[in-house]
Amino acid sequence: MAKGVKPRVKVPKTAAAGDSITIKTLISHKMESGQRKDKEGNLIPRSIINRFTCDFNGVNVIDVTLEPAISTNPFLEFEAKVPESGEFAFTWYDDDGSVYETSKSITVE
C-alpha cells in the first residue's frame, strides 16, 4: 500500500430529482510511472492509480482506466444525474493491489 494516500470527494448534499450534479474527486498519491531511476540507477517500480470507479446506489456511473502519464494526485471531475436520494461509492485501484474507497450521500428534495 502506498504511503499517505488520501481520497477526497466533493458531492452536493442536496439536489432536485433528475438534476445533473458536478462531482469532484482528488486522491493524494505519488504516482510513479516506472520510467524514472533512483540515485543508484535502478528503475523505480511503477506505482499508479490505474482505475477509478463511481457507483450510485449500486449502479455504475463512471469507470476510468488511468495510464502512467496521469499526474501526481489525480483530479477527476464529472457530471451525474441524480434520480433519487442515495449514496455515491468511489473506488480507486492501485498497481500494488491496494483499493481506496470512500462514499458520499446525497438527498433529493
Protein backbone atom coordinates (compact mmCIF):
# COMPACT_ATOMS: atom_id res chain seq x y z
CA MET A 1 0.00 0.00 0.00
CA ALA A 2 1.36 3.41 -0.97
CA LYS A 3 2.04 5.80 1.90
CA GLY A 4 -0.04 8.92 2.52
CA VAL A 5 -2.84 8.07 0.08
CA LYS A 6 -5.93 10.12 0.88
CA PRO A 7 -9.07 10.21 -1.29
CA ARG A 8 -11.21 13.36 -1.21
CA VAL A 9 -14.61 13.84 -2.84
CA LYS A 10 -16.97 16.79 -3.21
CA VAL A 11 -20.65 15.97 -3.81
CA PRO A 12 -23.56 18.38 -3.21
CA LYS A 13 -25.58 17.48 -0.11
CA THR A 14 -28.91 18.02 -1.88
CA ALA A 15 -30.34 18.13 -5.41
CA ALA A 16 -33.71 18.02 -7.17
CA ALA A 17 -34.80 14.75 -8.77
CA GLY A 18 -33.28 14.44 -12.25
CA ASP A 19 -30.70 17.18 -11.68
CA SER A 20 -27.26 16.82 -13.18
CA ILE A 21 -24.65 17.48 -10.49
CA THR A 22 -20.91 18.03 -10.65
CA ILE A 23 -18.73 15.63 -8.67
CA LYS A 24 -15.07 16.40 -7.97
CA THR A 25 -12.54 13.85 -6.75
CA LEU A 26 -8.89 14.11 -5.78
CA ILE A 27 -6.64 11.41 -4.42
CA SER A 28 -3.27 12.17 -2.86
CA HIS A 29 -0.91 9.67 -4.49
CA LYS A 30 2.72 9.96 -5.62
CA MET A 31 2.08 8.24 -8.99
CA GLU A 32 5.41 6.76 -10.10
CA SER A 33 5.46 5.96 -13.85
CA GLY A 34 8.08 3.21 -13.68
CA GLN A 35 10.34 5.05 -16.13
CA ARG A 36 12.49 7.04 -13.70
CA LYS A 37 15.65 5.79 -11.99
CA ASP A 38 16.80 6.19 -8.40
CA LYS A 39 20.22 7.54 -7.31
CA GLU A 40 21.83 4.14 -7.94
CA GLY A 41 20.46 3.93 -11.49
CA ASN A 42 17.79 1.32 -10.71
CA LEU A 43 14.31 1.71 -12.18
CA ILE A 44 11.76 2.88 -9.62
CA PRO A 45 8.82 0.43 -9.84
CA ARG A 46 5.59 1.69 -11.37
CA SER A 47 3.04 2.72 -8.75
CA ILE A 48 -0.05 4.45 -10.09
CA ILE A 49 -3.75 4.57 -9.51
CA ASN A 50 -4.73 2.55 -12.58
CA ARG A 51 -8.53 2.61 -12.32
CA PHE A 52 -11.29 4.76 -10.83
CA THR A 53 -14.97 3.87 -10.48
CA CYS A 54 -18.04 5.61 -9.12
CA ASP A 55 -21.35 3.89 -8.43
CA PHE A 56 -24.67 5.42 -7.35
CA ASN A 57 -26.93 3.09 -5.35
CA GLY A 58 -25.07 0.13 -6.85
CA VAL A 59 -25.30 1.33 -10.48
CA ASN A 60 -22.09 2.28 -12.26
CA VAL A 61 -21.77 5.99 -13.12
CA ILE A 62 -18.19 6.09 -14.40
CA ASP A 63 -15.32 3.62 -14.86
CA VAL A 64 -11.98 5.13 -15.91
CA THR A 65 -8.67 3.44 -16.76
CA LEU A 66 -5.69 5.62 -15.83
CA GLU A 67 -2.32 5.27 -17.55
CA PRO A 68 1.26 6.13 -16.42
CA ALA A 69 1.07 9.64 -17.92
CA ILE A 70 -1.53 10.64 -15.30
CA SER A 71 -0.33 13.37 -12.95
CA THR A 72 0.52 13.09 -9.29
CA ASN A 73 -2.59 13.50 -7.09
CA PRO A 74 -5.07 12.85 -9.92
CA PHE A 75 -8.14 15.09 -10.01
CA LEU A 76 -11.31 13.95 -11.77
CA GLU A 77 -14.47 15.99 -12.34
CA PHE A 78 -17.62 14.60 -13.93
CA GLU A 79 -21.39 15.03 -14.13
CA ALA A 80 -24.01 12.60 -12.81
CA LYS A 81 -27.82 12.64 -12.89
CA VAL A 82 -29.49 12.07 -9.54
CA PRO A 83 -32.89 10.35 -9.82
CA GLU A 84 -33.32 9.72 -6.08
CA SER A 85 -31.64 10.05 -2.71
CA GLY A 86 -28.76 7.68 -2.25
CA GLU A 87 -25.06 7.11 -1.91
CA PHE A 88 -22.17 7.52 -4.29
CA ALA A 89 -19.40 4.94 -3.78
CA PHE A 90 -15.94 5.91 -5.06
CA THR A 91 -13.12 3.39 -5.58
CA TRP A 92 -9.50 3.88 -6.68
CA TYR A 93 -7.36 0.85 -7.63
CA ASP A 94 -3.57 0.90 -7.14
CA ASP A 95 -0.95 -1.11 -9.08
CA ASP A 96 0.11 -2.82 -5.84
CA GLY A 97 -3.38 -4.26 -5.35
CA SER A 98 -4.49 -1.67 -2.81
CA VAL A 99 -8.03 -0.37 -3.07
CA TYR A 100 -9.03 3.01 -1.65
CA GLU A 101 -12.73 3.67 -1.05
CA THR A 102 -14.95 6.44 0.21
CA SER A 103 -18.63 7.33 -0.14
CA LYS A 104 -20.88 10.37 -0.03
CA SER A 105 -24.64 10.61 0.37
CA ILE A 106 -26.99 12.96 -1.44
CA THR A 107 -30.60 13.83 -0.60
CA VAL A 108 -33.15 14.50 -3.34
CA GLU A 109 -35.65 17.14 -2.26
